[in-house]
Amino acid sequence: MPFPQDLPLEEVFASIADGLFTVDADWNVTYFNESAQRITGMDAGMAVGRKCWDVFRSNLCEGQCVINQCIRRGGRIVNKSIFIIRADGTRVPVSISASPLRNSQGEVVGGVETFRDLTEIHVMRRKVEGLYRFEDIIGRSPGLEKIFGILPQVSTSEATTLILGPSGTGKELFARAIHNLSPRKDGPFVAVNCGALPDSLLESELFGYKAGAFTDARADKPGRIALAEGGTIFLDEIGDLPGKLQVKLLRFLQARTYEPLGGVGPVQADVRVVAATNRDLAARVAEGRFRQDLFYRLNVVTLNLPALSDRREDIPLLIDHFVDEFNAVQGKSIRGVSEDVMQVLMHHDYPGNIRELENILEYAFILCHSGFIQTEHLPDSLHPASASRAADDLEGTLEQIKCRAARRALERNNGRKMATCRQLGISKDTLRRLLARDLGEA
């Protein structure tokens, strides 16, 4: 779509810092400014005339094209965060805005899209996140900081490590971090869930078998220990390991040798063992359900992971992390959670820990299409608790209700009194009086 010769629009568009391109009704690129060339790494001569999806490769090009949405709806889309893929294959975070292009008769003849490179912002954000991130583990609670402090030393050692914690606390994430920070990082990381397989299969899965070991064993099959050679094997739910296999695992931990089913001699293995369980292994030893000698062999280094309910200060960080992750995967631009949702999520007990929080937000992403996640986007199981808290807030005299509302609003605004006054529509003196009265009644 050529620019009118009497208007210096092309020079104007060429000078702006944001990338800009236009397409005609058949999605052919008709203009590509200098910033678009710089950000995408593609020359205008190669871009003009090609289909926009071949030039501006993004996670929205497959079925969720922003310009297409603008043309169909006749409106504009502003500041949608996505990733594009440069000509050299690198992913670049950008913020895009789009609008339909109309001729003098008002007919839609194409579209225009601008995009801003967010790489520097993302780098700065990652630096801030780095204060609260260790590998892929996110948190700033005292319990996690203590583990972060010893994890590098634990990783570089060859010591068998036992990770304890409730289900859903990310035990495999810690096991992978130990592997990635160890001298074995270039070797394989093999995970085995000891509670997910029947006893008869688990033995052959761990140790492998030789041809002829049983009826259907027509060829040798390496076990998970063999597959982890030179790397790390992660034995999840080790507390559910049956007694017969406890003996074989103990022998492996003592001598670093094992015998495949049907084998005629021991096989040497160069494998580090990291185990995890949500069981109380000491209690199972006392009950005679877990071998004491195996417990001591596993318990060389122990990491105790706190439940999410014991590290509530990490919930906002985890929410931000999952929102970013789901935005990238689903091609959405959800801005976060509303204050009401944050209150619900901060007060939830999380019997399923981090995995439950992740599932809650994944569910919310299904119902929420843009903006902030609201309470109506949460699973039904979270609504009664919210309603119950709301009912509790309405108990007492009118003055008591007002005092509680003022205190809750101050908490939502992180102690900022002027922001609280604006939100409630009251003066600073009134807020001071309500807070003083609420404190006196407490």
Protein backbone atom coordinates (compact mmCIF):
# COMPACT_ATOMS: atom_id res chain seq x y z
CA MET A 1 0.00 0.00 0.00
CA PRO A 2 2.01 3.01 -1.21
CA PHE A 3 2.04 6.23 0.79
CA PRO A 4 0.72 9.46 -0.79
CA GLN A 5 3.58 11.33 -2.38
CA ASP A 6 2.57 14.68 -0.86
CA LEU A 7 2.81 13.39 2.72
CA PRO A 8 6.14 12.42 4.31
CA LEU A 9 4.52 9.51 6.18
CA GLU A 10 7.12 7.02 5.06
CA GLU A 11 9.87 9.19 6.52
CA VAL A 12 7.90 9.55 9.74
CA PHE A 13 7.32 5.80 10.02
CA ALA A 14 10.95 5.09 9.20
CA SER A 15 12.12 7.27 12.10
CA ILE A 16 10.04 5.76 14.92
CA ALA A 17 11.64 3.33 17.36
CA ASP A 18 8.79 0.81 17.16
CA GLY A 19 8.63 -1.74 14.37
CA LEU A 20 5.79 -1.10 11.92
CA PHE A 21 4.45 -3.03 8.96
CA THR A 22 1.29 -3.01 6.85
CA VAL A 23 -0.49 -5.76 4.95
CA ASP A 24 -3.06 -5.74 2.17
CA ALA A 25 -6.32 -7.72 2.14
CA ASP A 26 -4.43 -10.85 1.05
CA TRP A 27 -1.97 -10.64 3.98
CA ASN A 28 0.94 -9.56 1.79
CA VAL A 29 3.39 -7.22 3.52
CA THR A 30 3.24 -3.80 1.82
CA TYR A 31 5.51 -1.75 4.10
CA PHE A 32 8.25 -2.64 6.57
CA ASN A 33 10.01 0.17 8.45
CA GLU A 34 13.64 0.29 9.62
CA SER A 35 12.84 -0.66 13.23
CA ALA A 36 10.88 -3.69 11.99
CA GLN A 37 13.99 -4.74 10.06
CA ARG A 38 16.18 -4.31 13.14
CA ILE A 39 13.88 -6.19 15.51
CA THR A 40 13.05 -9.09 13.18
CA GLY A 41 16.47 -9.31 11.53
CA MET A 42 14.85 -9.31 8.07
CA ASP A 43 15.53 -6.82 5.29
CA ALA A 44 12.56 -4.85 3.93
CA GLY A 45 13.36 -6.03 0.42
CA MET A 46 12.82 -9.63 1.54
CA ALA A 47 9.75 -8.83 3.66
CA VAL A 48 7.64 -6.74 1.28
CA GLY A 49 5.49 -8.92 -0.94
CA ARG A 50 5.65 -11.97 1.33
CA LYS A 51 2.86 -13.25 3.57
CA CYS A 52 3.00 -11.65 6.99
CA TRP A 53 3.21 -14.99 8.81
CA ASP A 54 6.38 -15.83 6.87
CA VAL A 55 7.95 -12.57 8.05
CA PHE A 56 6.50 -11.86 11.49
CA ARG A 57 6.67 -15.35 12.93
CA SER A 58 4.92 -15.33 16.31
CA ASN A 59 3.08 -17.65 18.65
CA LEU A 60 -0.19 -16.03 17.46
CA CYS A 61 0.22 -16.58 13.72
CA GLU A 62 -1.45 -19.98 13.95
CA GLY A 63 -5.14 -19.12 14.30
CA GLN A 64 -4.94 -16.08 16.60
CA CYS A 65 -3.61 -13.44 14.21
CA VAL A 66 -3.99 -10.01 15.80
CA ILE A 67 -4.52 -8.14 12.52
CA ASN A 68 -7.11 -10.72 11.48
CA GLN A 69 -8.99 -10.13 14.74
CA CYS A 70 -8.91 -6.36 14.16
CA ILE A 71 -10.22 -6.70 10.62
CA ARG A 72 -13.01 -9.08 11.62
CA ARG A 73 -14.10 -7.03 14.64
CA GLY A 74 -13.37 -3.65 13.15
CA GLY A 75 -11.52 -2.48 16.27
CA ARG A 76 -8.00 -2.05 17.61
CA ILE A 77 -5.81 -4.25 19.78
CA VAL A 78 -3.30 -2.49 22.03
CA ASN A 79 -0.19 -3.73 23.85
CA LYS A 80 -0.55 -7.48 23.52
CA SER A 81 2.60 -9.26 24.75
CA ILE A 82 3.88 -12.10 22.56
CA PHE A 83 7.10 -13.67 21.27
CA ILE A 84 8.31 -13.47 17.68
CA ILE A 85 11.04 -15.52 16.04
CA ARG A 86 13.83 -13.57 14.34
CA ALA A 87 15.38 -14.61 11.04
CA ASP A 88 18.27 -16.18 13.00
CA GLY A 89 15.87 -18.29 15.08
CA THR A 90 16.06 -16.28 18.33
CA ARG A 91 12.85 -15.60 20.27
CA VAL A 92 12.18 -11.92 20.97
CA PRO A 93 9.52 -10.67 23.43
CA VAL A 94 7.48 -7.85 21.91
CA SER A 95 4.39 -5.81 22.68
CA ILE A 96 2.13 -5.43 19.64
CA SER A 97 -0.74 -3.15 18.67
CA ALA A 98 -2.83 -3.52 15.54
CA SER A 99 -5.59 -1.79 13.65
CA PRO A 100 -7.44 -2.23 10.33
CA LEU A 101 -6.52 0.04 7.42
CA ARG A 102 -9.39 1.72 5.56
CA ASN A 103 -9.56 3.60 2.27
CA SER A 104 -11.28 6.94 1.75
CA GLN A 105 -14.64 5.16 1.40
CA GLY A 106 -14.21 3.52 4.81
CA GLU A 107 -13.63 0.05 3.38
CA VAL A 108 -11.09 -2.23 5.09
CA VAL A 109 -8.23 -2.77 2.68
CA GLY A 110 -5.62 -4.26 5.01
CA GLY A 111 -4.08 -3.83 8.42
CA VAL A 112 -1.24 -2.14 10.27
CA GLU A 113 0.73 -3.53 13.19
CA THR A 114 3.33 -1.91 15.42
CA PHE A 115 5.57 -3.81 17.80
CA ARG A 116 8.02 -2.82 20.52
CA ASP A 117 11.06 -4.87 21.51
CA LEU A 118 10.75 -5.81 25.21
CA THR A 119 14.09 -7.62 25.47
CA GLU A 120 15.69 -5.05 27.81
CA ILE A 121 12.62 -5.03 30.05
CA HIS A 122 12.68 -8.83 30.18
CA VAL A 123 16.39 -8.81 31.03
CA MET A 124 15.82 -6.33 33.86
CA ARG A 125 12.90 -8.38 35.09
CA ARG A 126 14.98 -11.55 35.04
CA LYS A 127 17.64 -9.79 37.13
CA VAL A 128 15.00 -8.97 39.72
CA GLU A 129 13.58 -12.48 39.51
CA GLY A 130 17.10 -13.82 39.91
CA LEU A 131 17.01 -12.61 43.49
CA TYR A 132 14.18 -15.04 44.11
CA ARG A 133 15.04 -17.82 41.64
CA PHE A 134 17.46 -20.73 41.87
CA GLU A 135 17.52 -22.67 38.62
CA ASP A 136 13.74 -23.03 37.98
CA ILE A 137 12.85 -22.88 41.69
CA ILE A 138 11.07 -19.68 42.71
CA GLY A 139 10.81 -18.32 46.25
CA ARG A 140 12.19 -15.97 48.87
CA SER A 141 10.85 -17.59 52.05
CA PRO A 142 13.39 -18.33 54.82
CA GLY A 143 12.90 -22.10 54.40
CA LEU A 144 13.80 -21.95 50.71
CA GLU A 145 16.67 -19.50 51.17
CA LYS A 146 18.26 -21.95 53.60
CA ILE A 147 18.06 -24.71 50.97
CA PHE A 148 19.34 -22.36 48.25
CA GLY A 149 22.36 -21.67 50.45
CA ILE A 150 23.49 -25.31 50.57
CA LEU A 151 22.22 -26.56 47.20
CA PRO A 152 25.43 -25.73 45.24
CA GLN A 153 27.57 -27.68 47.73
CA VAL A 154 25.11 -30.58 47.78
CA SER A 155 25.07 -30.63 43.97
CA THR A 156 28.83 -30.75 43.48
CA SER A 157 29.19 -33.64 45.93
CA GLU A 158 28.47 -37.25 45.00
CA ALA A 159 26.44 -37.84 48.16
CA THR A 160 23.14 -39.69 47.94
CA THR A 161 20.47 -37.08 48.63
CA LEU A 162 17.02 -37.53 50.14
CA ILE A 163 14.36 -34.89 49.42
CA LEU A 164 11.44 -34.84 51.84
CA GLY A 165 8.23 -32.87 51.48
CA PRO A 166 4.49 -33.10 50.87
CA SER A 167 3.16 -33.97 47.42
CA GLY A 168 3.23 -31.08 44.99
CA THR A 169 6.13 -29.17 46.59
CA GLY A 170 8.41 -29.63 43.57
CA LYS A 171 10.71 -32.44 44.71
CA GLU A 172 11.60 -33.38 41.12
CA LEU A 173 12.41 -29.72 40.39
CA PHE A 174 14.98 -29.78 43.21
CA ALA A 175 16.35 -33.11 41.98
CA ARG A 176 16.84 -31.65 38.50
CA ALA A 177 18.51 -28.56 39.99
CA ILE A 178 20.96 -30.82 41.85
CA HIS A 179 21.72 -32.63 38.60
CA ASN A 180 22.06 -29.43 36.54
CA LEU A 181 24.49 -27.90 39.05
CA SER A 182 26.60 -31.04 39.38
CA PRO A 183 29.61 -32.26 37.37
CA ARG A 184 27.16 -34.82 35.90
CA LYS A 185 25.02 -32.15 34.21
CA ASP A 186 25.99 -33.34 30.72
CA GLY A 187 24.89 -36.88 31.58
CA PRO A 188 21.31 -38.18 31.60
CA PHE A 189 18.71 -37.40 34.28
CA VAL A 190 16.38 -40.38 34.65
CA ALA A 191 13.28 -40.20 36.87
CA VAL A 192 11.47 -43.26 38.22
CA ASN A 193 8.22 -43.12 40.22
CA CYS A 194 8.55 -46.06 42.59
CA GLY A 195 4.91 -45.84 43.62
CA ALA A 196 3.43 -45.84 40.11
CA LEU A 197 4.53 -49.31 38.94
CA PRO A 198 3.57 -52.78 40.21
CA ASP A 199 6.32 -54.65 42.09
CA SER A 200 6.84 -57.15 39.26
CA LEU A 201 7.47 -54.38 36.71
CA LEU A 202 9.42 -52.06 38.97
CA GLU A 203 12.30 -54.48 39.44
CA SER A 204 12.82 -54.93 35.69
CA GLU A 205 12.36 -51.18 35.12
CA LEU A 206 15.10 -50.35 37.61
CA PHE A 207 17.61 -53.11 36.95
CA GLY A 208 16.70 -54.34 33.45
CA TYR A 209 16.72 -57.96 32.33
CA LYS A 210 18.56 -60.39 30.10
CA ALA A 211 17.07 -62.33 27.21
CA GLY A 212 15.36 -65.46 28.51
CA ALA A 213 14.91 -64.12 32.04
CA PHE A 214 11.18 -64.81 31.65
CA THR A 215 8.79 -65.94 28.91
CA ASP A 216 8.48 -62.68 26.96
CA ALA A 217 12.11 -61.58 27.45
CA ARG A 218 13.29 -62.14 23.88
CA ALA A 219 16.11 -59.57 24.04
CA ASP A 220 18.16 -57.74 26.65
CA LYS A 221 16.51 -54.64 28.07
CA PRO A 222 18.54 -52.05 29.99
CA GLY A 223 17.02 -50.75 33.21
CA ARG A 224 16.68 -47.15 34.33
CA ILE A 225 19.96 -47.39 36.27
CA ALA A 226 21.79 -48.36 33.09
CA LEU A 227 20.09 -45.52 31.20
CA ALA A 228 21.31 -43.06 33.86
CA GLU A 229 24.97 -44.10 33.42
CA GLY A 230 27.21 -41.08 33.94
CA GLY A 231 24.29 -39.03 35.24
CA THR A 232 21.65 -39.03 37.96
CA ILE A 233 18.75 -41.32 38.75
CA PHE A 234 15.84 -39.78 40.64
CA LEU A 235 13.84 -42.30 42.68
CA ASP A 236 10.57 -40.57 43.48
CA GLU A 237 8.19 -41.95 46.14
CA ILE A 238 11.00 -44.11 47.53
CA GLY A 239 8.90 -44.70 50.65
CA ASP A 240 6.62 -46.96 48.59
CA LEU A 241 9.45 -49.26 47.47
CA PRO A 242 8.54 -52.91 48.25
CA GLY A 243 10.71 -54.92 50.69
CA LYS A 244 12.33 -57.17 48.06
CA LEU A 245 13.51 -54.16 46.04
CA GLN A 246 14.72 -52.38 49.16
CA VAL A 247 17.32 -55.12 49.56
CA LYS A 248 18.49 -54.82 45.93
CA LEU A 249 18.62 -51.01 46.12
CA LEU A 250 20.63 -51.20 49.35
CA ARG A 251 23.16 -53.45 47.64
CA PHE A 252 23.41 -51.00 44.75
CA LEU A 253 23.96 -48.03 47.10
CA GLN A 254 26.65 -49.91 49.01
CA ALA A 255 28.68 -51.25 46.08
CA ARG A 256 27.35 -49.30 43.06
CA THR A 257 26.73 -52.64 41.38
CA TYR A 258 23.48 -54.38 40.45
CA GLU A 259 22.35 -57.58 38.77
CA PRO A 260 19.78 -57.49 35.96
CA LEU A 261 17.02 -60.11 36.04
CA GLY A 262 18.43 -63.28 34.50
CA GLY A 263 21.99 -61.94 34.77
CA VAL A 264 24.90 -64.10 35.84
CA GLY A 265 27.08 -61.43 37.43
CA PRO A 266 27.12 -57.91 38.86
CA VAL A 267 27.17 -54.84 36.61
CA GLN A 268 29.10 -51.74 37.68
CA ALA A 269 27.25 -48.41 37.49
CA ASP A 270 28.47 -44.81 37.64
CA VAL A 271 25.22 -43.18 38.75
CA ARG A 272 24.32 -40.68 41.45
CA VAL A 273 21.13 -41.35 43.40
CA VAL A 274 18.66 -38.67 44.46
CA ALA A 275 15.54 -39.99 46.19
CA ALA A 276 12.34 -38.32 47.36
CA THR A 277 9.24 -39.16 49.34
CA ASN A 278 6.25 -37.56 51.01
CA ARG A 279 6.26 -40.35 53.62
CA ASP A 280 7.69 -40.18 57.13
CA LEU A 281 10.51 -42.68 56.55
CA ALA A 282 11.58 -42.72 60.20
CA ALA A 283 8.04 -43.72 61.18
CA ARG A 284 7.98 -46.43 58.50
CA VAL A 285 11.30 -47.76 59.82
CA ALA A 286 9.77 -47.92 63.33
CA GLU A 287 6.77 -49.80 61.90
CA GLY A 288 9.06 -52.29 60.14
CA ARG A 289 7.89 -51.19 56.68
CA PHE A 290 11.19 -49.68 55.57
CA ARG A 291 14.68 -51.04 56.12
CA GLN A 292 16.69 -49.06 58.63
CA ASP A 293 20.00 -49.70 56.85
CA LEU A 294 18.50 -48.44 53.57
CA PHE A 295 17.14 -45.36 55.36
CA TYR A 296 20.62 -44.52 56.63
CA ARG A 297 22.13 -45.08 53.17
CA LEU A 298 19.60 -42.72 51.59
CA ASN A 299 19.74 -40.16 54.38
CA VAL A 300 23.30 -38.90 53.75
CA VAL A 301 22.04 -35.40 52.80
CA THR A 302 18.43 -34.45 53.50
CA LEU A 303 16.49 -31.51 52.07
CA ASN A 304 13.18 -30.75 53.77
CA LEU A 305 10.87 -28.84 51.43
CA PRO A 306 8.23 -26.66 53.12
CA ALA A 307 4.56 -26.89 52.20
CA LEU A 308 3.19 -23.90 50.27
CA SER A 309 1.05 -22.97 53.28
CA ASP A 310 4.33 -22.44 55.20
CA ARG A 311 5.78 -20.13 52.54
CA ARG A 312 2.88 -17.83 51.71
CA GLU A 313 5.23 -14.97 50.84
CA ASP A 314 6.17 -16.99 47.74
CA ILE A 315 2.59 -17.20 46.43
CA PRO A 316 2.64 -13.85 44.51
CA LEU A 317 5.98 -14.79 42.90
CA LEU A 318 4.62 -18.19 41.85
CA ILE A 319 1.44 -16.59 40.50
CA ASP A 320 3.51 -14.23 38.32
CA HIS A 321 5.62 -17.16 37.13
CA PHE A 322 2.63 -19.31 36.13
CA VAL A 323 0.82 -16.38 34.49
CA ASP A 324 3.91 -15.71 32.34
CA GLU A 325 4.24 -19.39 31.53
CA PHE A 326 0.59 -19.85 30.51
CA ASN A 327 0.64 -16.61 28.49
CA ALA A 328 3.59 -17.92 26.49
CA VAL A 329 2.12 -21.40 25.98
CA GLN A 330 -1.45 -20.31 25.20
CA GLY A 331 -0.65 -17.13 23.28
CA LYS A 332 -2.63 -14.94 25.68
CA SER A 333 -1.78 -11.67 27.40
CA ILE A 334 -3.42 -12.06 30.81
CA ARG A 335 -2.09 -9.23 32.97
CA GLY A 336 -2.25 -11.10 36.28
CA VAL A 337 -4.81 -11.68 39.03
CA SER A 338 -7.17 -9.14 40.57
CA GLU A 339 -6.82 -8.04 44.19
CA ASP A 340 -9.84 -10.17 45.18
CA VAL A 341 -8.28 -13.24 43.56
CA MET A 342 -4.95 -12.51 45.24
CA GLN A 343 -6.73 -12.43 48.60
CA VAL A 344 -8.42 -15.78 47.88
CA LEU A 345 -5.17 -17.41 46.75
CA MET A 346 -3.18 -16.00 49.67
CA HIS A 347 -5.65 -17.46 52.20
CA HIS A 348 -6.14 -20.88 50.56
CA ASP A 349 -4.63 -23.86 52.43
CA TYR A 350 -3.19 -25.66 49.35
CA PRO A 351 -3.33 -29.32 50.35
CA GLY A 352 -1.91 -29.96 46.85
CA ASN A 353 0.82 -27.33 47.31
CA ILE A 354 2.45 -25.68 44.25
CA ARG A 355 0.89 -28.19 41.86
CA GLU A 356 -2.55 -27.17 43.12
CA LEU A 357 -1.79 -23.45 42.62
CA GLU A 358 -0.61 -24.21 39.08
CA ASN A 359 -3.81 -26.17 38.35
CA ILE A 360 -5.99 -23.34 39.74
CA LEU A 361 -4.34 -20.80 37.44
CA GLU A 362 -4.47 -23.13 34.44
CA TYR A 363 -8.21 -23.51 35.03
CA ALA A 364 -8.59 -19.72 35.32
CA PHE A 365 -6.78 -19.26 31.99
CA ILE A 366 -9.46 -21.35 30.30
CA LEU A 367 -12.20 -18.93 31.40
CA CYS A 368 -10.26 -15.65 31.33
CA HIS A 369 -9.56 -14.26 27.87
CA SER A 370 -7.93 -10.93 28.68
CA GLY A 371 -7.21 -8.44 31.44
CA PHE A 372 -7.00 -9.71 35.02
CA ILE A 373 -8.17 -13.07 36.37
CA GLN A 374 -11.31 -12.45 38.46
CA THR A 375 -12.95 -14.56 41.18
CA GLU A 376 -15.51 -15.91 38.69
CA HIS A 377 -12.63 -17.49 36.76
CA LEU A 378 -11.55 -19.58 39.77
CA PRO A 379 -12.68 -23.19 40.34
CA ASP A 380 -15.95 -23.60 42.24
CA SER A 381 -14.10 -25.14 45.19
CA LEU A 382 -12.58 -21.74 45.96
CA HIS A 383 -15.84 -19.78 45.86
CA PRO A 384 -17.43 -21.04 49.12
CA ALA A 385 -14.34 -20.12 51.13
CA SER A 386 -14.40 -16.67 49.60
CA ALA A 387 -18.08 -16.30 50.34
CA SER A 388 -17.51 -17.48 53.92
CA ARG A 389 -14.83 -14.85 54.49
CA ALA A 390 -17.09 -12.21 52.98
CA ALA A 391 -19.86 -13.27 55.39
CA ASP A 392 -17.45 -13.05 58.34
CA ASP A 393 -16.55 -9.52 57.29
CA LEU A 394 -20.20 -8.51 57.60
CA GLU A 395 -20.58 -9.65 61.20
CA GLY A 396 -20.82 -7.09 64.01
CA THR A 397 -21.95 -3.48 64.09
CA LEU A 398 -21.81 -1.17 61.09
CA GLU A 399 -18.85 0.65 62.64
CA GLN A 400 -16.96 -2.65 63.12
CA ILE A 401 -17.61 -3.63 59.50
CA LYS A 402 -16.27 -0.26 58.31
CA CYS A 403 -13.15 -0.68 60.47
CA ARG A 404 -12.49 -4.15 59.10
CA ALA A 405 -13.02 -2.92 55.53
CA ALA A 406 -10.50 -0.12 56.09
CA ARG A 407 -7.90 -2.53 57.48
CA ARG A 408 -8.40 -5.00 54.59
CA ALA A 409 -8.11 -2.20 52.03
CA LEU A 410 -4.87 -1.03 53.65
CA GLU A 411 -3.50 -4.59 53.42
CA ARG A 412 -4.47 -4.82 49.74
CA ASN A 413 -2.61 -1.56 49.09
CA ASN A 414 0.52 -2.77 50.91
CA GLY A 415 0.17 -0.18 53.68
CA ARG A 416 -0.13 2.83 51.34
CA LYS A 417 -2.62 5.08 53.06
CA MET A 418 -3.25 7.55 50.24
CA ALA A 419 -3.99 4.71 47.81
CA THR A 420 -6.35 3.21 50.41
CA CYS A 421 -8.16 6.54 50.84
CA ARG A 422 -8.62 6.85 47.08
CA GLN A 423 -9.92 3.30 46.83
CA LEU A 424 -12.44 3.76 49.67
CA GLY A 425 -13.31 7.36 48.81
CA ILE A 426 -12.56 8.64 52.32
CA SER A 427 -10.24 11.22 53.84
CA LYS A 428 -6.95 10.44 55.55
CA ASP A 429 -8.40 11.51 58.93
CA THR A 430 -11.33 9.13 58.50
CA LEU A 431 -8.95 6.28 57.63
CA ARG A 432 -6.80 7.08 60.66
CA ARG A 433 -9.90 7.03 62.91
CA LEU A 434 -11.16 3.72 61.52
CA LEU A 435 -7.75 2.04 61.87
CA ALA A 436 -7.31 3.33 65.42
CA ARG A 437 -10.77 2.07 66.39
CA ASP A 438 -10.17 -1.32 64.74
CA LEU A 439 -6.85 -1.64 66.62
CA GLY A 440 -8.54 -0.74 69.89
CA GLU A 441 -11.27 -3.34 69.43
CA ALA A 442 -8.72 -6.00 68.45
